[in-house]
Full PDB file with SEQRES, HELIX, SHEET, SSBOND, CRYST1, ORIGX, SCALE, CONECT and MASTER records, all heavy atoms in Angstrom:
SEQRES   1 A   33  LEU VAL THR ALA TYR PRO ASP GLU LEU VAL ARG LYS ARG          
SEQRES   2 A   33  ALA LEU GLN ASP GLY VAL LEU CYS TYR LEU SER LYS PRO          
SEQRES   3 A   33  VAL ASP ASP ASP HIS LEU GLU                                  
HELIX    1 AA1 GLU A    8  ASP A   17  1                                  10    
HELIX    2 AA2 ASP A   29  LEU A   32  1                                   4    
SHEET    1 AA1 2 VAL A   2  THR A   3  0                                        
SHEET    2 AA1 2 LEU A  23  SER A  24  1                                        
CRYST1    1.000    1.000    1.000  90.00  90.00  90.00 P 1           1          
ORIGX1      1.000000  0.000000  0.000000        0.00000                         
ORIGX2      0.000000  1.000000  0.000000        0.00000                         
ORIGX3      0.000000  0.000000  1.000000        0.00000                         
SCALE1      1.000000  0.000000  0.000000        0.00000                         
SCALE2      0.000000  1.000000  0.000000        0.00000                         
SCALE3      0.000000  0.000000  1.000000        0.00000                         
ATOM      1  N   LEU A   1       6.423  12.589  11.967  1.00  0.00           N  
ATOM      2  CA  LEU A   1       7.524  12.233  11.087  1.00  0.00           C  
ATOM      3  C   LEU A   1       6.978  11.876   9.708  1.00  0.00           C  
ATOM      4  O   LEU A   1       5.916  11.253   9.601  1.00  0.00           O  
ATOM      5  CB  LEU A   1       8.306  11.044  11.649  1.00  0.00           C  
ATOM      6  CG  LEU A   1       9.078  11.288  12.946  1.00  0.00           C  
ATOM      7  CD1 LEU A   1       9.772   9.998  13.401  1.00  0.00           C  
ATOM      8  CD2 LEU A   1      10.090  12.404  12.786  1.00  0.00           C  
ATOM      9  N   VAL A   2       7.709  12.288   8.671  1.00  0.00           N  
ATOM     10  CA  VAL A   2       7.337  11.963   7.295  1.00  0.00           C  
ATOM     11  C   VAL A   2       8.536  11.306   6.613  1.00  0.00           C  
ATOM     12  O   VAL A   2       9.681  11.626   6.921  1.00  0.00           O  
ATOM     13  CB  VAL A   2       6.883  13.218   6.504  1.00  0.00           C  
ATOM     14  CG1 VAL A   2       5.615  13.792   7.095  1.00  0.00           C  
ATOM     15  CG2 VAL A   2       7.964  14.272   6.459  1.00  0.00           C  
ATOM     16  N   THR A   3       8.245  10.381   5.700  1.00  0.00           N  
ATOM     17  CA  THR A   3       9.339   9.682   5.031  1.00  0.00           C  
ATOM     18  C   THR A   3       8.944   9.217   3.639  1.00  0.00           C  
ATOM     19  O   THR A   3       7.794   8.851   3.404  1.00  0.00           O  
ATOM     20  CB  THR A   3       9.818   8.470   5.853  1.00  0.00           C  
ATOM     21  OG1 THR A   3      10.943   7.877   5.202  1.00  0.00           O  
ATOM     22  CG2 THR A   3       8.726   7.428   6.036  1.00  0.00           C  
ATOM     23  N   ALA A   4       9.917   9.221   2.753  1.00  0.00           N  
ATOM     24  CA  ALA A   4       9.743   8.657   1.416  1.00  0.00           C  
ATOM     25  C   ALA A   4      10.106   7.175   1.423  1.00  0.00           C  
ATOM     26  O   ALA A   4       9.854   6.471   0.443  1.00  0.00           O  
ATOM     27  CB  ALA A   4      10.613   9.405   0.408  1.00  0.00           C  
ATOM     28  N   TYR A   5      10.702   6.720   2.507  1.00  0.00           N  
ATOM     29  CA  TYR A   5      11.168   5.334   2.614  1.00  0.00           C  
ATOM     30  C   TYR A   5      10.607   4.693   3.883  1.00  0.00           C  
ATOM     31  O   TYR A   5      11.326   4.518   4.867  1.00  0.00           O  
ATOM     32  CB  TYR A   5      12.701   5.281   2.631  1.00  0.00           C  
ATOM     33  CG  TYR A   5      13.310   6.024   1.471  1.00  0.00           C  
ATOM     34  CD1 TYR A   5      13.803   7.309   1.631  1.00  0.00           C  
ATOM     35  CD2 TYR A   5      13.351   5.435   0.207  1.00  0.00           C  
ATOM     36  CE1 TYR A   5      14.337   8.005   0.554  1.00  0.00           C  
ATOM     37  CE2 TYR A   5      13.877   6.123  -0.877  1.00  0.00           C  
ATOM     38  CZ  TYR A   5      14.367   7.398  -0.691  1.00  0.00           C  
ATOM     39  OH  TYR A   5      14.893   8.084  -1.759  1.00  0.00           O  
ATOM     40  N   PRO A   6       9.316   4.339   3.876  1.00  0.00           N  
ATOM     41  CA  PRO A   6       8.707   3.768   5.082  1.00  0.00           C  
ATOM     42  C   PRO A   6       9.435   2.504   5.532  1.00  0.00           C  
ATOM     43  O   PRO A   6       9.811   1.668   4.717  1.00  0.00           O  
ATOM     44  CB  PRO A   6       7.278   3.442   4.653  1.00  0.00           C  
ATOM     45  CG  PRO A   6       7.046   4.173   3.384  1.00  0.00           C  
ATOM     46  CD  PRO A   6       8.380   4.413   2.760  1.00  0.00           C  
ATOM     47  N   ASP A   7       9.629   2.401   6.819  1.00  0.00           N  
ATOM     48  CA  ASP A   7      10.296   1.256   7.425  1.00  0.00           C  
ATOM     49  C   ASP A   7       9.518   0.923   8.693  1.00  0.00           C  
ATOM     50  O   ASP A   7       9.421   1.761   9.602  1.00  0.00           O  
ATOM     51  CB  ASP A   7      11.747   1.630   7.750  1.00  0.00           C  
ATOM     52  CG  ASP A   7      12.517   0.507   8.393  1.00  0.00           C  
ATOM     53  OD1 ASP A   7      12.044  -0.052   9.414  1.00  0.00           O  
ATOM     54  OD2 ASP A   7      13.605   0.185   7.893  1.00  0.00           O  
ATOM     55  N   GLU A   8       8.965  -0.264   8.762  1.00  0.00           N  
ATOM     56  CA  GLU A   8       8.109  -0.643   9.880  1.00  0.00           C  
ATOM     57  C   GLU A   8       8.857  -0.614  11.216  1.00  0.00           C  
ATOM     58  O   GLU A   8       8.286  -0.224  12.233  1.00  0.00           O  
ATOM     59  CB  GLU A   8       7.492  -2.020   9.646  1.00  0.00           C  
ATOM     60  CG  GLU A   8       6.471  -2.431  10.687  1.00  0.00           C  
ATOM     61  CD  GLU A   8       5.316  -1.440  10.869  1.00  0.00           C  
ATOM     62  OE1 GLU A   8       4.919  -0.753   9.905  1.00  0.00           O  
ATOM     63  OE2 GLU A   8       4.799  -1.345  12.002  1.00  0.00           O  
ATOM     64  N   LEU A   9      10.127  -1.000  11.226  1.00  0.00           N  
ATOM     65  CA  LEU A   9      10.889  -0.959  12.487  1.00  0.00           C  
ATOM     66  C   LEU A   9      11.098   0.473  12.963  1.00  0.00           C  
ATOM     67  O   LEU A   9      10.965   0.763  14.155  1.00  0.00           O  
ATOM     68  CB  LEU A   9      12.231  -1.674  12.324  1.00  0.00           C  
ATOM     69  CG  LEU A   9      12.155  -3.186  12.140  1.00  0.00           C  
ATOM     70  CD1 LEU A   9      13.540  -3.760  11.869  1.00  0.00           C  
ATOM     71  CD2 LEU A   9      11.524  -3.842  13.355  1.00  0.00           C  
ATOM     72  N   VAL A  10      11.427   1.373  12.035  1.00  0.00           N  
ATOM     73  CA  VAL A  10      11.612   2.784  12.392  1.00  0.00           C  
ATOM     74  C   VAL A  10      10.281   3.364  12.871  1.00  0.00           C  
ATOM     75  O   VAL A  10      10.219   4.084  13.867  1.00  0.00           O  
ATOM     76  CB  VAL A  10      12.161   3.597  11.191  1.00  0.00           C  
ATOM     77  CG1 VAL A  10      12.197   5.080  11.495  1.00  0.00           C  
ATOM     78  CG2 VAL A  10      13.548   3.089  10.809  1.00  0.00           C  
ATOM     79  N   ARG A  11       9.197   3.051  12.168  1.00  0.00           N  
ATOM     80  CA  ARG A  11       7.864   3.527  12.546  1.00  0.00           C  
ATOM     81  C   ARG A  11       7.506   3.072  13.957  1.00  0.00           C  
ATOM     82  O   ARG A  11       7.090   3.865  14.804  1.00  0.00           O  
ATOM     83  CB  ARG A  11       6.820   3.016  11.553  1.00  0.00           C  
ATOM     84  CG  ARG A  11       5.390   3.386  11.912  1.00  0.00           C  
ATOM     85  CD  ARG A  11       4.390   2.650  10.987  1.00  0.00           C  
ATOM     86  NE  ARG A  11       3.052   2.802  11.470  1.00  0.00           N  
ATOM     87  CZ  ARG A  11       2.514   2.112  12.479  1.00  0.00           C  
ATOM     88  NH1 ARG A  11       3.207   1.181  13.100  1.00  0.00           N  
ATOM     89  NH2 ARG A  11       1.278   2.335  12.867  1.00  0.00           N  
ATOM     90  N   LYS A  12       7.683   1.776  14.212  1.00  0.00           N  
ATOM     91  CA  LYS A  12       7.317   1.215  15.513  1.00  0.00           C  
ATOM     92  C   LYS A  12       8.129   1.862  16.640  1.00  0.00           C  
ATOM     93  O   LYS A  12       7.574   2.247  17.665  1.00  0.00           O  
ATOM     94  CB  LYS A  12       7.526  -0.300  15.499  1.00  0.00           C  
ATOM     95  CG  LYS A  12       7.017  -0.980  16.735  1.00  0.00           C  
ATOM     96  CD  LYS A  12       7.116  -2.487  16.605  1.00  0.00           C  
ATOM     97  CE  LYS A  12       6.570  -3.145  17.859  1.00  0.00           C  
ATOM     98  NZ  LYS A  12       6.626  -4.602  17.784  1.00  0.00           N  
ATOM     99  N   ARG A  13       9.415   2.014  16.429  1.00  0.00           N  
ATOM    100  CA  ARG A  13      10.267   2.618  17.464  1.00  0.00           C  
ATOM    101  C   ARG A  13       9.880   4.076  17.696  1.00  0.00           C  
ATOM    102  O   ARG A  13       9.799   4.535  18.836  1.00  0.00           O  
ATOM    103  CB  ARG A  13      11.743   2.533  17.045  1.00  0.00           C  
ATOM    104  CG  ARG A  13      12.657   3.400  17.882  1.00  0.00           C  
ATOM    105  CD  ARG A  13      13.570   2.611  18.774  1.00  0.00           C  
ATOM    106  NE  ARG A  13      14.189   3.444  19.779  1.00  0.00           N  
ATOM    107  CZ  ARG A  13      15.431   3.878  19.744  1.00  0.00           C  
ATOM    108  NH1 ARG A  13      16.217   3.559  18.737  1.00  0.00           N  
ATOM    109  NH2 ARG A  13      15.910   4.613  20.720  1.00  0.00           N  
ATOM    110  N   ALA A  14       9.635   4.817  16.605  1.00  0.00           N  
ATOM    111  CA  ALA A  14       9.263   6.232  16.732  1.00  0.00           C  
ATOM    112  C   ALA A  14       7.962   6.379  17.520  1.00  0.00           C  
ATOM    113  O   ALA A  14       7.863   7.227  18.417  1.00  0.00           O  
ATOM    114  CB  ALA A  14       9.143   6.869  15.350  1.00  0.00           C  
ATOM    115  N   LEU A  15       6.966   5.561  17.197  1.00  0.00           N  
ATOM    116  CA  LEU A  15       5.690   5.644  17.911  1.00  0.00           C  
ATOM    117  C   LEU A  15       5.850   5.237  19.365  1.00  0.00           C  
ATOM    118  O   LEU A  15       5.247   5.847  20.264  1.00  0.00           O  
ATOM    119  CB  LEU A  15       4.631   4.802  17.209  1.00  0.00           C  
ATOM    120  CG  LEU A  15       4.218   5.296  15.809  1.00  0.00           C  
ATOM    121  CD1 LEU A  15       3.279   4.301  15.141  1.00  0.00           C  
ATOM    122  CD2 LEU A  15       3.602   6.677  15.868  1.00  0.00           C  
ATOM    123  N   GLN A  16       6.685   4.234  19.638  1.00  0.00           N  
ATOM    124  CA  GLN A  16       6.954   3.835  21.024  1.00  0.00           C  
ATOM    125  C   GLN A  16       7.655   4.953  21.786  1.00  0.00           C  
ATOM    126  O   GLN A  16       7.419   5.143  22.978  1.00  0.00           O  
ATOM    127  CB  GLN A  16       7.795   2.566  21.071  1.00  0.00           C  
ATOM    128  CG  GLN A  16       7.034   1.326  20.702  1.00  0.00           C  
ATOM    129  CD  GLN A  16       7.922   0.087  20.599  1.00  0.00           C  
ATOM    130  OE1 GLN A  16       9.143   0.176  20.458  1.00  0.00           O  
ATOM    131  NE2 GLN A  16       7.298  -1.079  20.637  1.00  0.00           N  
ATOM    132  N   ASP A  17       8.526   5.694  21.101  1.00  0.00           N  
ATOM    133  CA  ASP A  17       9.243   6.803  21.734  1.00  0.00           C  
ATOM    134  C   ASP A  17       8.321   7.988  22.026  1.00  0.00           C  
ATOM    135  O   ASP A  17       8.688   8.875  22.783  1.00  0.00           O  
ATOM    136  CB  ASP A  17      10.403   7.277  20.851  1.00  0.00           C  
ATOM    137  CG  ASP A  17      11.587   6.322  20.863  1.00  0.00           C  
ATOM    138  OD1 ASP A  17      11.619   5.400  21.714  1.00  0.00           O  
ATOM    139  OD2 ASP A  17      12.489   6.503  20.017  1.00  0.00           O  
ATOM    140  N   GLY A  18       7.150   8.035  21.354  1.00  0.00           N  
ATOM    141  CA  GLY A  18       6.212   9.120  21.620  1.00  0.00           C  
ATOM    142  C   GLY A  18       5.882  10.001  20.431  1.00  0.00           C  
ATOM    143  O   GLY A  18       5.129  10.971  20.575  1.00  0.00           O  
ATOM    144  N   VAL A  19       6.456   9.699  19.254  1.00  0.00           N  
ATOM    145  CA  VAL A  19       6.105  10.459  18.055  1.00  0.00           C  
ATOM    146  C   VAL A  19       4.610  10.271  17.810  1.00  0.00           C  
ATOM    147  O   VAL A  19       4.074   9.174  17.967  1.00  0.00           O  
ATOM    148  CB  VAL A  19       6.940   9.975  16.843  1.00  0.00           C  
ATOM    149  CG1 VAL A  19       6.372  10.499  15.537  1.00  0.00           C  
ATOM    150  CG2 VAL A  19       8.393  10.395  17.014  1.00  0.00           C  
ATOM    151  N   LEU A  20       3.935  11.336  17.433  1.00  0.00           N  
ATOM    152  CA  LEU A  20       2.488  11.307  17.286  1.00  0.00           C  
ATOM    153  C   LEU A  20       2.033  10.575  16.029  1.00  0.00           C  
ATOM    154  O   LEU A  20       1.136   9.745  16.080  1.00  0.00           O  
ATOM    155  CB  LEU A  20       1.961  12.751  17.273  1.00  0.00           C  
ATOM    156  CG  LEU A  20       0.465  12.915  17.272  1.00  0.00           C  
ATOM    157  CD1 LEU A  20      -0.136  12.371  18.556  1.00  0.00           C  
ATOM    158  CD2 LEU A  20       0.107  14.372  17.093  1.00  0.00           C  
ATOM    159  N   CYS A  21       2.633  10.905  14.881  1.00  0.00           N  
ATOM    160  CA  CYS A  21       2.251  10.290  13.607  1.00  0.00           C  
ATOM    161  C   CYS A  21       3.502   9.988  12.794  1.00  0.00           C  
ATOM    162  O   CYS A  21       4.494  10.710  12.883  1.00  0.00           O  
ATOM    163  CB  CYS A  21       1.357  11.216  12.778  1.00  0.00           C  
ATOM    164  SG  CYS A  21      -0.259  11.557  13.476  1.00  0.00           S  
ATOM    165  N   TYR A  22       3.414   8.955  11.984  1.00  0.00           N  
ATOM    166  CA  TYR A  22       4.483   8.557  11.065  1.00  0.00           C  
ATOM    167  C   TYR A  22       3.819   8.416   9.707  1.00  0.00           C  
ATOM    168  O   TYR A  22       3.025   7.501   9.489  1.00  0.00           O  
ATOM    169  CB  TYR A  22       5.089   7.229  11.541  1.00  0.00           C  
ATOM    170  CG  TYR A  22       6.240   6.702  10.742  1.00  0.00           C  
ATOM    171  CD1 TYR A  22       7.553   6.971  11.114  1.00  0.00           C  
ATOM    172  CD2 TYR A  22       6.020   5.898   9.625  1.00  0.00           C  
ATOM    173  CE1 TYR A  22       8.620   6.450  10.393  1.00  0.00           C  
ATOM    174  CE2 TYR A  22       7.083   5.381   8.890  1.00  0.00           C  
ATOM    175  CZ  TYR A  22       8.384   5.670   9.291  1.00  0.00           C  
ATOM    176  OH  TYR A  22       9.440   5.155   8.573  1.00  0.00           O  
ATOM    177  N   LEU A  23       4.095   9.359   8.798  1.00  0.00           N  
ATOM    178  CA  LEU A  23       3.404   9.432   7.517  1.00  0.00           C  
ATOM    179  C   LEU A  23       4.360   9.165   6.361  1.00  0.00           C  
ATOM    180  O   LEU A  23       5.512   9.592   6.388  1.00  0.00           O  
ATOM    181  CB  LEU A  23       2.772  10.810   7.334  1.00  0.00           C  
ATOM    182  CG  LEU A  23       1.834  11.278   8.450  1.00  0.00           C  
ATOM    183  CD1 LEU A  23       1.357  12.685   8.160  1.00  0.00           C  
ATOM    184  CD2 LEU A  23       0.674  10.323   8.611  1.00  0.00           C  
ATOM    185  N   SER A  24       3.841   8.507   5.335  1.00  0.00           N  
ATOM    186  CA  SER A  24       4.619   8.243   4.126  1.00  0.00           C  
ATOM    187  C   SER A  24       4.386   9.340   3.104  1.00  0.00           C  
ATOM    188  O   SER A  24       3.275   9.858   2.978  1.00  0.00           O  
ATOM    189  CB  SER A  24       4.213   6.901   3.518  1.00  0.00           C  
ATOM    190  OG  SER A  24       4.503   5.852   4.406  1.00  0.00           O  
ATOM    191  N   LYS A  25       5.451   9.685   2.378  1.00  0.00           N  
ATOM    192  CA  LYS A  25       5.342  10.631   1.262  1.00  0.00           C  
ATOM    193  C   LYS A  25       4.856   9.863   0.040  1.00  0.00           C  
ATOM    194  O   LYS A  25       5.258   8.718  -0.142  1.00  0.00           O  
ATOM    195  CB  LYS A  25       6.699  11.269   0.959  1.00  0.00           C  
ATOM    196  CG  LYS A  25       7.250  12.126   2.074  1.00  0.00           C  
ATOM    197  CD  LYS A  25       8.628  12.634   1.693  1.00  0.00           C  
ATOM    198  CE  LYS A  25       9.303  13.387   2.819  1.00  0.00           C  
ATOM    199  NZ  LYS A  25      10.657  13.812   2.459  1.00  0.00           N  
ATOM    200  N   PRO A  26       4.049  10.436  -0.810  1.00  0.00           N  
ATOM    201  CA  PRO A  26       3.449  11.759  -0.644  1.00  0.00           C  
ATOM    202  C   PRO A  26       2.430  11.730   0.494  1.00  0.00           C  
ATOM    203  O   PRO A  26       1.676  10.767   0.642  1.00  0.00           O  
ATOM    204  CB  PRO A  26       2.775  12.030  -1.987  1.00  0.00           C  
ATOM    205  CG  PRO A  26       2.510  10.670  -2.565  1.00  0.00           C  
ATOM    206  CD  PRO A  26       3.598   9.778  -2.032  1.00  0.00           C  
ATOM    207  N   VAL A  27       2.440  12.777   1.283  1.00  0.00           N  
ATOM    208  CA  VAL A  27       1.595  12.857   2.463  1.00  0.00           C  
ATOM    209  C   VAL A  27       0.154  13.140   2.050  1.00  0.00           C  
ATOM    210  O   VAL A  27      -0.102  14.019   1.230  1.00  0.00           O  
ATOM    211  CB  VAL A  27       2.121  13.963   3.414  1.00  0.00           C  
ATOM    212  CG1 VAL A  27       1.166  14.198   4.564  1.00  0.00           C  
ATOM    213  CG2 VAL A  27       3.503  13.598   3.932  1.00  0.00           C  
ATOM    214  N   ASP A  28      -0.764  12.377   2.621  1.00  0.00           N  
ATOM    215  CA  ASP A  28      -2.189  12.607   2.415  1.00  0.00           C  
ATOM    216  C   ASP A  28      -2.578  13.860   3.207  1.00  0.00           C  
ATOM    217  O   ASP A  28      -2.395  13.910   4.426  1.00  0.00           O  
ATOM    218  CB  ASP A  28      -2.980  11.386   2.898  1.00  0.00           C  
ATOM    219  CG  ASP A  28      -4.465  11.588   2.804  1.00  0.00           C  
ATOM    220  OD1 ASP A  28      -5.037  11.298   1.728  1.00  0.00           O  
ATOM    221  OD2 ASP A  28      -5.060  12.059   3.797  1.00  0.00           O  
ATOM    222  N   ASP A  29      -3.102  14.880   2.509  1.00  0.00           N  
ATOM    223  CA  ASP A  29      -3.430  16.157   3.145  1.00  0.00           C  
ATOM    224  C   ASP A  29      -4.380  15.996   4.331  1.00  0.00           C  
ATOM    225  O   ASP A  29      -4.188  16.615   5.382  1.00  0.00           O  
ATOM    226  CB  ASP A  29      -4.054  17.122   2.133  1.00  0.00           C  
ATOM    227  CG  ASP A  29      -3.116  17.489   0.999  1.00  0.00           C  
ATOM    228  OD1 ASP A  29      -1.953  17.041   0.998  1.00  0.00           O  
ATOM    229  OD2 ASP A  29      -3.561  18.224   0.097  1.00  0.00           O  
ATOM    230  N   ASP A  30      -5.413  15.174   4.167  1.00  0.00           N  
ATOM    231  CA  ASP A  30      -6.396  14.997   5.241  1.00  0.00           C  
ATOM    232  C   ASP A  30      -5.779  14.309   6.456  1.00  0.00           C  
ATOM    233  O   ASP A  30      -6.081  14.667   7.593  1.00  0.00           O  
ATOM    234  CB  ASP A  30      -7.594  14.183   4.746  1.00  0.00           C  
ATOM    235  CG  ASP A  30      -8.418  14.938   3.713  1.00  0.00           C  
ATOM    236  OD1 ASP A  30      -8.421  16.187   3.735  1.00  0.00           O  
ATOM    237  OD2 ASP A  30      -9.055  14.274   2.873  1.00  0.00           O  
ATOM    238  N   HIS A  31      -4.921  13.328   6.218  1.00  0.00           N  
ATOM    239  CA  HIS A  31      -4.268  12.633   7.333  1.00  0.00           C  
ATOM    240  C   HIS A  31      -3.335  13.600   8.074  1.00  0.00           C  
ATOM    241  O   HIS A  31      -3.308  13.625   9.309  1.00  0.00           O  
ATOM    242  CB  HIS A  31      -3.505  11.416   6.818  1.00  0.00           C  
ATOM    243  CG  HIS A  31      -3.178  10.434   7.889  1.00  0.00           C  
ATOM    244  ND1 HIS A  31      -2.643   9.211   7.621  1.00  0.00           N  
ATOM    245  CD2 HIS A  31      -3.292  10.479   9.233  1.00  0.00           C  
ATOM    246  CE1 HIS A  31      -2.434   8.558   8.749  1.00  0.00           C  
ATOM    247  NE2 HIS A  31      -2.826   9.311   9.743  1.00  0.00           N  
ATOM    248  N   LEU A  32      -2.597  14.404   7.323  1.00  0.00           N  
ATOM    249  CA  LEU A  32      -1.728  15.397   7.950  1.00  0.00           C  
ATOM    250  C   LEU A  32      -2.551  16.360   8.793  1.00  0.00           C  
ATOM    251  O   LEU A  32      -2.190  16.663   9.931  1.00  0.00           O  
ATOM    252  CB  LEU A  32      -0.932  16.170   6.896  1.00  0.00           C  
ATOM    253  CG  LEU A  32      -0.081  17.316   7.439  1.00  0.00           C  
ATOM    254  CD1 LEU A  32       1.000  16.805   8.379  1.00  0.00           C  
ATOM    255  CD2 LEU A  32       0.528  18.109   6.300  1.00  0.00           C  
ATOM    256  N   GLU A  33      -3.664  16.823   8.264  1.00  0.00           N  
ATOM    257  CA  GLU A  33      -4.509  17.760   9.013  1.00  0.00           C  
ATOM    258  C   GLU A  33      -5.029  17.128  10.303  1.00  0.00           C  
ATOM    259  O   GLU A  33      -5.033  17.764  11.360  1.00  0.00           O  
ATOM    260  CB  GLU A  33      -5.668  18.237   8.142  1.00  0.00           C  
ATOM    261  CG  GLU A  33      -6.482  19.336   8.801  1.00  0.00           C  
ATOM    262  CD  GLU A  33      -7.553  19.907   7.905  1.00  0.00           C  
ATOM    263  OE1 GLU A  33      -7.844  19.336   6.833  1.00  0.00           O  
ATOM    264  OE2 GLU A  33      -8.109  20.952   8.285  1.00  0.00           O  
TER     265      GLU A  33                                                      
MASTER        0    0    0    2    2    0    0    6  264    1    0    3          
END                                                                             
């Protein structure tokens, strides 16, 4: 998941649900890779 509006609660829930990564825009190319 990528977002321009990082939210710690959304991040935590997404990762608990099984999302692999939660990245903030602008996305770091190396982290995305």
